[in-house]
Amino acid sequence: AAKQSGALFLDLNTLAANRYDALGQEGSRPYFNDL
């Protein structure tokens, strides 16, 4: 949608995922309330 409209796209999905990957699955548990 951003590409088609010419809007800036912030890939928050990847940026946040990189941080949680660095913490690991067990280390990320305190950072989530649910799914």
All heavy atoms as atom14 arrays in JSON, in Angstrom:
{
  "sequence": "AAKQSGALFLDLNTLAANRYDALGQEGSRPYFNDL",
  "atom14_mask": [
    [1, 1, 1, 1, 1, 0, 0, 0, 0, 0, 0, 0, 0, 0],
    [1, 1, 1, 1, 1, 0, 0, 0, 0, 0, 0, 0, 0, 0],
    [1, 1, 1, 1, 1, 1, 1, 1, 1, 0, 0, 0, 0, 0],
    [1, 1, 1, 1, 1, 1, 1, 1, 1, 0, 0, 0, 0, 0],
    [1, 1, 1, 1, 1, 1, 0, 0, 0, 0, 0, 0, 0, 0],
    [1, 1, 1, 1, 0, 0, 0, 0, 0, 0, 0, 0, 0, 0],
    [1, 1, 1, 1, 1, 0, 0, 0, 0, 0, 0, 0, 0, 0],
    [1, 1, 1, 1, 1, 1, 1, 1, 0, 0, 0, 0, 0, 0],
    [1, 1, 1, 1, 1, 1, 1, 1, 1, 1, 1, 0, 0, 0],
    [1, 1, 1, 1, 1, 1, 1, 1, 0, 0, 0, 0, 0, 0],
    [1, 1, 1, 1, 1, 1, 1, 1, 0, 0, 0, 0, 0, 0],
    [1, 1, 1, 1, 1, 1, 1, 1, 0, 0, 0, 0, 0, 0],
    [1, 1, 1, 1, 1, 1, 1, 1, 0, 0, 0, 0, 0, 0],
    [1, 1, 1, 1, 1, 1, 1, 0, 0, 0, 0, 0, 0, 0],
    [1, 1, 1, 1, 1, 1, 1, 1, 0, 0, 0, 0, 0, 0],
    [1, 1, 1, 1, 1, 0, 0, 0, 0, 0, 0, 0, 0, 0],
    [1, 1, 1, 1, 1, 0, 0, 0, 0, 0, 0, 0, 0, 0],
    [1, 1, 1, 1, 1, 1, 1, 1, 0, 0, 0, 0, 0, 0],
    [1, 1, 1, 1, 1, 1, 1, 1, 1, 1, 1, 0, 0, 0],
    [1, 1, 1, 1, 1, 1, 1, 1, 1, 1, 1, 1, 0, 0],
    [1, 1, 1, 1, 1, 1, 1, 1, 0, 0, 0, 0, 0, 0],
    [1, 1, 1, 1, 1, 0, 0, 0, 0, 0, 0, 0, 0, 0],
    [1, 1, 1, 1, 1, 1, 1, 1, 0, 0, 0, 0, 0, 0],
    [1, 1, 1, 1, 0, 0, 0, 0, 0, 0, 0, 0, 0, 0],
    [1, 1, 1, 1, 1, 1, 1, 1, 1, 0, 0, 0, 0, 0],
    [1, 1, 1, 1, 1, 1, 1, 1, 1, 0, 0, 0, 0, 0],
    [1, 1, 1, 1, 0, 0, 0, 0, 0, 0, 0, 0, 0, 0],
    [1, 1, 1, 1, 1, 1, 0, 0, 0, 0, 0, 0, 0, 0],
    [1, 1, 1, 1, 1, 1, 1, 1, 1, 1, 1, 0, 0, 0],
    [1, 1, 1, 1, 1, 1, 1, 0, 0, 0, 0, 0, 0, 0],
    [1, 1, 1, 1, 1, 1, 1, 1, 1, 1, 1, 1, 0, 0],
    [1, 1, 1, 1, 1, 1, 1, 1, 1, 1, 1, 0, 0, 0],
    [1, 1, 1, 1, 1, 1, 1, 1, 0, 0, 0, 0, 0, 0],
    [1, 1, 1, 1, 1, 1, 1, 1, 0, 0, 0, 0, 0, 0],
    [1, 1, 1, 1, 1, 1, 1, 1, 0, 0, 0, 0, 0, 0]
  ],
  "atom14_positions": [
    [[0.83, -1.21, 0.0], [0.0, 0.0, 0.0], [0.87, 1.26, 0.0], [0.58, 2.23, -0.7], [-0.93, 0.0, 1.21], [0.0, 0.0, 0.0], [0.0, 0.0, 0.0], [0.0, 0.0, 0.0], [0.0, 0.0, 0.0], [0.0, 0.0, 0.0], [0.0, 0.0, 0.0], [0.0, 0.0, 0.0], [0.0, 0.0, 0.0], [0.0, 0.0, 0.0]],
    [[1.95, 1.24, 0.78], [2.85, 2.39, 0.83], [3.51, 2.61, -0.53], [3.65, 3.74, -0.99], [3.91, 2.18, 1.9], [0.0, 0.0, 0.0], [0.0, 0.0, 0.0], [0.0, 0.0, 0.0], [0.0, 0.0, 0.0], [0.0, 0.0, 0.0], [0.0, 0.0, 0.0], [0.0, 0.0, 0.0], [0.0, 0.0, 0.0], [0.0, 0.0, 0.0]],
    [[3.92, 1.53, -1.17], [4.57, 1.64, -2.47], [3.62, 2.21, -3.52], [3.99, 3.08, -4.31], [5.08, 0.26, -2.91], [5.84, 0.29, -4.23], [6.37, -1.09, -4.58], [7.15, -1.07, -5.9], [7.69, -2.42, -6.24], [0.0, 0.0, 0.0], [0.0, 0.0, 0.0], [0.0, 0.0, 0.0], [0.0, 0.0, 0.0], [0.0, 0.0, 0.0]],
    [[2.37, 1.73, -3.5], [1.4, 2.19, -4.49], [1.0, 3.64, -4.29], [0.73, 4.37, -5.24], [0.15, 1.3, -4.44], [0.4, -0.12, -4.92], [-0.8, -1.02, -4.75], [-1.92, -0.54, -4.5], [-0.61, -2.32, -4.87], [0.0, 0.0, 0.0], [0.0, 0.0, 0.0], [0.0, 0.0, 0.0], [0.0, 0.0, 0.0], [0.0, 0.0, 0.0]],
    [[0.98, 4.09, -3.03], [0.54, 5.45, -2.73], [1.68, 6.46, -2.67], [1.45, 7.66, -2.61], [-0.21, 5.47, -1.39], [0.66, 5.13, -0.32], [0.0, 0.0, 0.0], [0.0, 0.0, 0.0], [0.0, 0.0, 0.0], [0.0, 0.0, 0.0], [0.0, 0.0, 0.0], [0.0, 0.0, 0.0], [0.0, 0.0, 0.0], [0.0, 0.0, 0.0]],
    [[2.91, 5.95, -2.64], [4.05, 6.86, -2.54], [4.35, 7.29, -1.11], [5.14, 8.21, -0.89], [0.0, 0.0, 0.0], [0.0, 0.0, 0.0], [0.0, 0.0, 0.0], [0.0, 0.0, 0.0], [0.0, 0.0, 0.0], [0.0, 0.0, 0.0], [0.0, 0.0, 0.0], [0.0, 0.0, 0.0], [0.0, 0.0, 0.0], [0.0, 0.0, 0.0]],
    [[3.74, 6.61, -0.12], [3.98, 6.95, 1.29], [5.28, 6.32, 1.77], [5.74, 5.31, 1.22], [2.81, 6.46, 2.15], [0.0, 0.0, 0.0], [0.0, 0.0, 0.0], [0.0, 0.0, 0.0], [0.0, 0.0, 0.0], [0.0, 0.0, 0.0], [0.0, 0.0, 0.0], [0.0, 0.0, 0.0], [0.0, 0.0, 0.0], [0.0, 0.0, 0.0]],
    [[5.87, 6.9, 2.79], [7.05, 6.31, 3.4], [6.64, 5.05, 4.16], [5.59, 5.02, 4.79], [7.72, 7.3, 4.36], [8.32, 8.56, 3.73], [8.82, 9.5, 4.82], [9.45, 8.21, 2.77], [0.0, 0.0, 0.0], [0.0, 0.0, 0.0], [0.0, 0.0, 0.0], [0.0, 0.0, 0.0], [0.0, 0.0, 0.0], [0.0, 0.0, 0.0]],
    [[7.47, 4.02, 4.11], [7.16, 2.76, 4.78], [8.2, 2.48, 5.85], [9.4, 2.41, 5.57], [7.12, 1.6, 3.79], [6.88, 0.26, 4.44], [5.67, 0.0, 5.07], [7.86, -0.72, 4.44], [5.44, -1.23, 5.68], [7.64, -1.95, 5.05], [6.42, -2.2, 5.67], [0.0, 0.0, 0.0], [0.0, 0.0, 0.0], [0.0, 0.0, 0.0]],
    [[7.75, 2.32, 7.07], [8.61, 1.99, 8.21], [8.4, 0.51, 8.51], [7.33, 0.11, 8.95], [8.24, 2.87, 9.41], [9.21, 2.96, 10.58], [8.88, 4.18, 11.42], [9.15, 1.71, 11.45], [0.0, 0.0, 0.0], [0.0, 0.0, 0.0], [0.0, 0.0, 0.0], [0.0, 0.0, 0.0], [0.0, 0.0, 0.0], [0.0, 0.0, 0.0]],
    [[9.41, -0.3, 8.25], [9.29, -1.75, 8.42], [9.44, -2.13, 9.89], [10.42, -2.73, 10.31], [10.35, -2.46, 7.58], [10.17, -3.97, 7.54], [9.18, -4.45, 8.14], [11.01, -4.65, 6.94], [0.0, 0.0, 0.0], [0.0, 0.0, 0.0], [0.0, 0.0, 0.0], [0.0, 0.0, 0.0], [0.0, 0.0, 0.0], [0.0, 0.0, 0.0]],
    [[8.42, -1.77, 10.66], [8.46, -2.01, 12.1], [8.46, -3.5, 12.41], [9.03, -3.94, 13.41], [7.27, -1.32, 12.77], [7.16, -1.43, 14.29], [8.42, -0.9, 14.95], [5.93, -0.68, 14.79], [0.0, 0.0, 0.0], [0.0, 0.0, 0.0], [0.0, 0.0, 0.0], [0.0, 0.0, 0.0], [0.0, 0.0, 0.0], [0.0, 0.0, 0.0]],
    [[7.82, -4.29, 11.56], [7.78, -5.73, 11.79], [9.18, -6.31, 11.87], [9.52, -7.05, 12.8], [6.98, -6.39, 10.66], [6.66, -7.84, 10.96], [7.49, -8.7, 10.76], [5.45, -8.1, 11.42], [0.0, 0.0, 0.0], [0.0, 0.0, 0.0], [0.0, 0.0, 0.0], [0.0, 0.0, 0.0], [0.0, 0.0, 0.0], [0.0, 0.0, 0.0]],
    [[10.03, -5.95, 10.91], [11.4, -6.47, 10.89], [12.25, -5.86, 12.0], [13.02, -6.56, 12.67], [12.05, -6.19, 9.52], [11.33, -6.89, 8.5], [13.51, -6.64, 9.51], [0.0, 0.0, 0.0], [0.0, 0.0, 0.0], [0.0, 0.0, 0.0], [0.0, 0.0, 0.0], [0.0, 0.0, 0.0], [0.0, 0.0, 0.0], [0.0, 0.0, 0.0]],
    [[12.14, -4.55, 12.21], [12.95, -3.87, 13.21], [12.69, -4.42, 14.62], [13.61, -4.64, 15.4], [12.69, -2.37, 13.17], [13.13, -1.64, 11.89], [12.66, -0.19, 11.91], [14.65, -1.7, 11.74], [0.0, 0.0, 0.0], [0.0, 0.0, 0.0], [0.0, 0.0, 0.0], [0.0, 0.0, 0.0], [0.0, 0.0, 0.0], [0.0, 0.0, 0.0]],
    [[11.4, -4.63, 14.94], [11.07, -5.18, 16.25], [11.44, -6.65, 16.35], [11.95, -7.11, 17.38], [9.58, -4.99, 16.54], [0.0, 0.0, 0.0], [0.0, 0.0, 0.0], [0.0, 0.0, 0.0], [0.0, 0.0, 0.0], [0.0, 0.0, 0.0], [0.0, 0.0, 0.0], [0.0, 0.0, 0.0], [0.0, 0.0, 0.0], [0.0, 0.0, 0.0]],
    [[11.23, -7.4, 15.26], [11.56, -8.82, 15.27], [13.05, -9.05, 15.5], [13.44, -9.99, 16.2], [11.13, -9.46, 13.95], [0.0, 0.0, 0.0], [0.0, 0.0, 0.0], [0.0, 0.0, 0.0], [0.0, 0.0, 0.0], [0.0, 0.0, 0.0], [0.0, 0.0, 0.0], [0.0, 0.0, 0.0], [0.0, 0.0, 0.0], [0.0, 0.0, 0.0]],
    [[13.88, -8.19, 14.94], [15.32, -8.31, 15.17], [15.66, -8.21, 16.65], [16.53, -8.9, 17.16], [16.07, -7.22, 14.39], [16.05, -7.45, 12.89], [15.78, -8.56, 12.42], [16.32, -6.41, 12.13], [0.0, 0.0, 0.0], [0.0, 0.0, 0.0], [0.0, 0.0, 0.0], [0.0, 0.0, 0.0], [0.0, 0.0, 0.0], [0.0, 0.0, 0.0]],
    [[14.96, -7.3, 17.33], [15.21, -7.12, 18.76], [14.78, -8.34, 19.57], [15.48, -8.78, 20.49], [14.47, -5.87, 19.26], [15.17, -4.57, 18.88], [14.26, -3.36, 19.15], [15.02, -2.13, 19.25], [15.55, -1.49, 18.24], [15.41, -1.98, 17.01], [16.25, -0.36, 18.42], [0.0, 0.0, 0.0], [0.0, 0.0, 0.0], [0.0, 0.0, 0.0]],
    [[13.62, -8.91, 19.24], [13.15, -10.08, 19.98], [13.98, -11.31, 19.66], [14.22, -12.16, 20.54], [11.67, -10.31, 19.71], [10.8, -9.22, 20.28], [10.02, -8.41, 19.47], [10.79, -8.98, 21.66], [9.25, -7.38, 20.0], [10.02, -7.96, 22.2], [9.26, -7.17, 21.37], [8.49, -6.15, 21.9], [0.0, 0.0, 0.0], [0.0, 0.0, 0.0]],
    [[14.43, -11.43, 18.41], [15.33, -12.54, 18.07], [16.6, -12.48, 18.91], [17.13, -13.51, 19.35], [15.69, -12.5, 16.58], [14.7, -13.28, 15.73], [13.83, -13.96, 16.3], [14.79, -13.2, 14.49], [0.0, 0.0, 0.0], [0.0, 0.0, 0.0], [0.0, 0.0, 0.0], [0.0, 0.0, 0.0], [0.0, 0.0, 0.0], [0.0, 0.0, 0.0]],
    [[17.11, -11.27, 19.12], [18.33, -11.11, 19.92], [18.1, -11.52, 21.37], [19.0, -12.06, 22.03], [18.81, -9.65, 19.86], [0.0, 0.0, 0.0], [0.0, 0.0, 0.0], [0.0, 0.0, 0.0], [0.0, 0.0, 0.0], [0.0, 0.0, 0.0], [0.0, 0.0, 0.0], [0.0, 0.0, 0.0], [0.0, 0.0, 0.0], [0.0, 0.0, 0.0]],
    [[16.88, -11.3, 21.88], [16.55, -11.7, 23.24], [16.32, -13.21, 23.35], [16.55, -13.8, 24.39], [15.29, -10.97, 23.71], [15.41, -9.47, 23.96], [14.02, -8.84, 24.09], [16.23, -9.2, 25.21], [0.0, 0.0, 0.0], [0.0, 0.0, 0.0], [0.0, 0.0, 0.0], [0.0, 0.0, 0.0], [0.0, 0.0, 0.0], [0.0, 0.0, 0.0]],
    [[15.85, -13.81, 22.25], [15.52, -15.22, 22.27], [14.1, -15.46, 22.76], [13.49, -14.59, 23.39], [0.0, 0.0, 0.0], [0.0, 0.0, 0.0], [0.0, 0.0, 0.0], [0.0, 0.0, 0.0], [0.0, 0.0, 0.0], [0.0, 0.0, 0.0], [0.0, 0.0, 0.0], [0.0, 0.0, 0.0], [0.0, 0.0, 0.0], [0.0, 0.0, 0.0]],
    [[13.57, -16.64, 22.48], [12.18, -16.93, 22.85], [11.96, -16.86, 24.35], [11.01, -16.23, 24.83], [11.77, -18.31, 22.33], [10.3, -18.65, 22.6], [9.86, -19.93, 21.91], [10.66, -20.58, 21.22], [8.61, -20.3, 22.08], [0.0, 0.0, 0.0], [0.0, 0.0, 0.0], [0.0, 0.0, 0.0], [0.0, 0.0, 0.0], [0.0, 0.0, 0.0]],
    [[12.84, -17.49, 25.13], [12.68, -17.48, 26.58], [12.89, -16.07, 27.14], [12.16, -15.61, 28.01], [13.66, -18.46, 27.22], [13.45, -18.65, 28.72], [12.09, -19.25, 29.03], [11.56, -20.02, 28.21], [11.55, -18.94, 30.12], [0.0, 0.0, 0.0], [0.0, 0.0, 0.0], [0.0, 0.0, 0.0], [0.0, 0.0, 0.0], [0.0, 0.0, 0.0]],
    [[13.91, -15.37, 26.61], [14.2, -14.03, 27.09], [13.12, -13.03, 26.75], [13.01, -11.97, 27.39], [0.0, 0.0, 0.0], [0.0, 0.0, 0.0], [0.0, 0.0, 0.0], [0.0, 0.0, 0.0], [0.0, 0.0, 0.0], [0.0, 0.0, 0.0], [0.0, 0.0, 0.0], [0.0, 0.0, 0.0], [0.0, 0.0, 0.0], [0.0, 0.0, 0.0]],
    [[12.31, -13.32, 25.72], [11.26, -12.4, 25.3], [9.96, -12.55, 26.08], [9.07, -11.71, 25.95], [10.96, -12.59, 23.8], [12.07, -12.24, 23.0], [0.0, 0.0, 0.0], [0.0, 0.0, 0.0], [0.0, 0.0, 0.0], [0.0, 0.0, 0.0], [0.0, 0.0, 0.0], [0.0, 0.0, 0.0], [0.0, 0.0, 0.0], [0.0, 0.0, 0.0]],
    [[9.84, -13.6, 26.88], [8.59, -13.86, 27.6], [8.12, -12.67, 28.44], [6.93, -12.35, 28.44], [8.71, -15.11, 28.47], [8.83, -16.4, 27.69], [8.8, -17.62, 28.6], [9.09, -18.84, 27.87], [8.18, -19.5, 27.15], [6.94, -19.05, 27.09], [8.52, -20.61, 26.52], [0.0, 0.0, 0.0], [0.0, 0.0, 0.0], [0.0, 0.0, 0.0]],
    [[9.0, -11.98, 29.18], [8.53, -10.85, 29.99], [8.05, -9.65, 29.17], [7.48, -8.72, 29.73], [9.77, -10.46, 30.82], [10.68, -11.64, 30.76], [10.44, -12.24, 29.42], [0.0, 0.0, 0.0], [0.0, 0.0, 0.0], [0.0, 0.0, 0.0], [0.0, 0.0, 0.0], [0.0, 0.0, 0.0], [0.0, 0.0, 0.0], [0.0, 0.0, 0.0]],
    [[8.27, -9.68, 27.87], [7.94, -8.54, 27.03], [6.56, -8.66, 26.38], [6.1, -7.72, 25.73], [9.0, -8.37, 25.94], [10.36, -8.02, 26.49], [11.22, -8.99, 26.96], [10.79, -6.69, 26.54], [12.47, -8.67, 27.48], [12.03, -6.37, 27.05], [12.86, -7.36, 27.52], [14.1, -7.03, 28.03], [0.0, 0.0, 0.0], [0.0, 0.0, 0.0]],
    [[5.9, -9.82, 26.54], [4.58, -10.02, 25.92], [3.54, -10.38, 26.98], [3.82, -11.15, 27.9], [4.64, -11.15, 24.89], [5.32, -10.78, 23.6], [6.67, -11.01, 23.43], [4.6, -10.19, 22.57], [7.31, -10.66, 22.24], [5.22, -9.82, 21.38], [6.59, -10.07, 21.22], [0.0, 0.0, 0.0], [0.0, 0.0, 0.0], [0.0, 0.0, 0.0]],
    [[2.33, -9.83, 26.8], [1.2, -10.19, 27.64], [0.45, -11.38, 27.07], [-0.15, -12.17, 27.79], [0.23, -9.01, 27.78], [0.54, -8.14, 28.97], [0.98, -8.64, 30.01], [0.32, -6.85, 28.84], [0.0, 0.0, 0.0], [0.0, 0.0, 0.0], [0.0, 0.0, 0.0], [0.0, 0.0, 0.0], [0.0, 0.0, 0.0], [0.0, 0.0, 0.0]],
    [[0.42, -11.46, 25.73], [-0.31, -12.52, 25.05], [0.3, -12.69, 23.66], [1.45, -12.29, 23.44], [-1.81, -12.19, 24.96], [-2.08, -10.79, 24.4], [-1.34, -10.35, 23.49], [-3.02, -10.12, 24.85], [0.0, 0.0, 0.0], [0.0, 0.0, 0.0], [0.0, 0.0, 0.0], [0.0, 0.0, 0.0], [0.0, 0.0, 0.0], [0.0, 0.0, 0.0]],
    [[-0.46, -13.23, 22.75], [0.05, -13.47, 21.4], [0.43, -12.19, 20.69], [1.39, -12.16, 19.9], [-1.0, -14.23, 20.58], [-0.62, -14.57, 19.13], [0.54, -15.55, 19.09], [-1.82, -15.14, 18.38], [0.0, 0.0, 0.0], [0.0, 0.0, 0.0], [0.0, 0.0, 0.0], [0.0, 0.0, 0.0], [0.0, 0.0, 0.0], [0.0, 0.0, 0.0]]
  ]
}
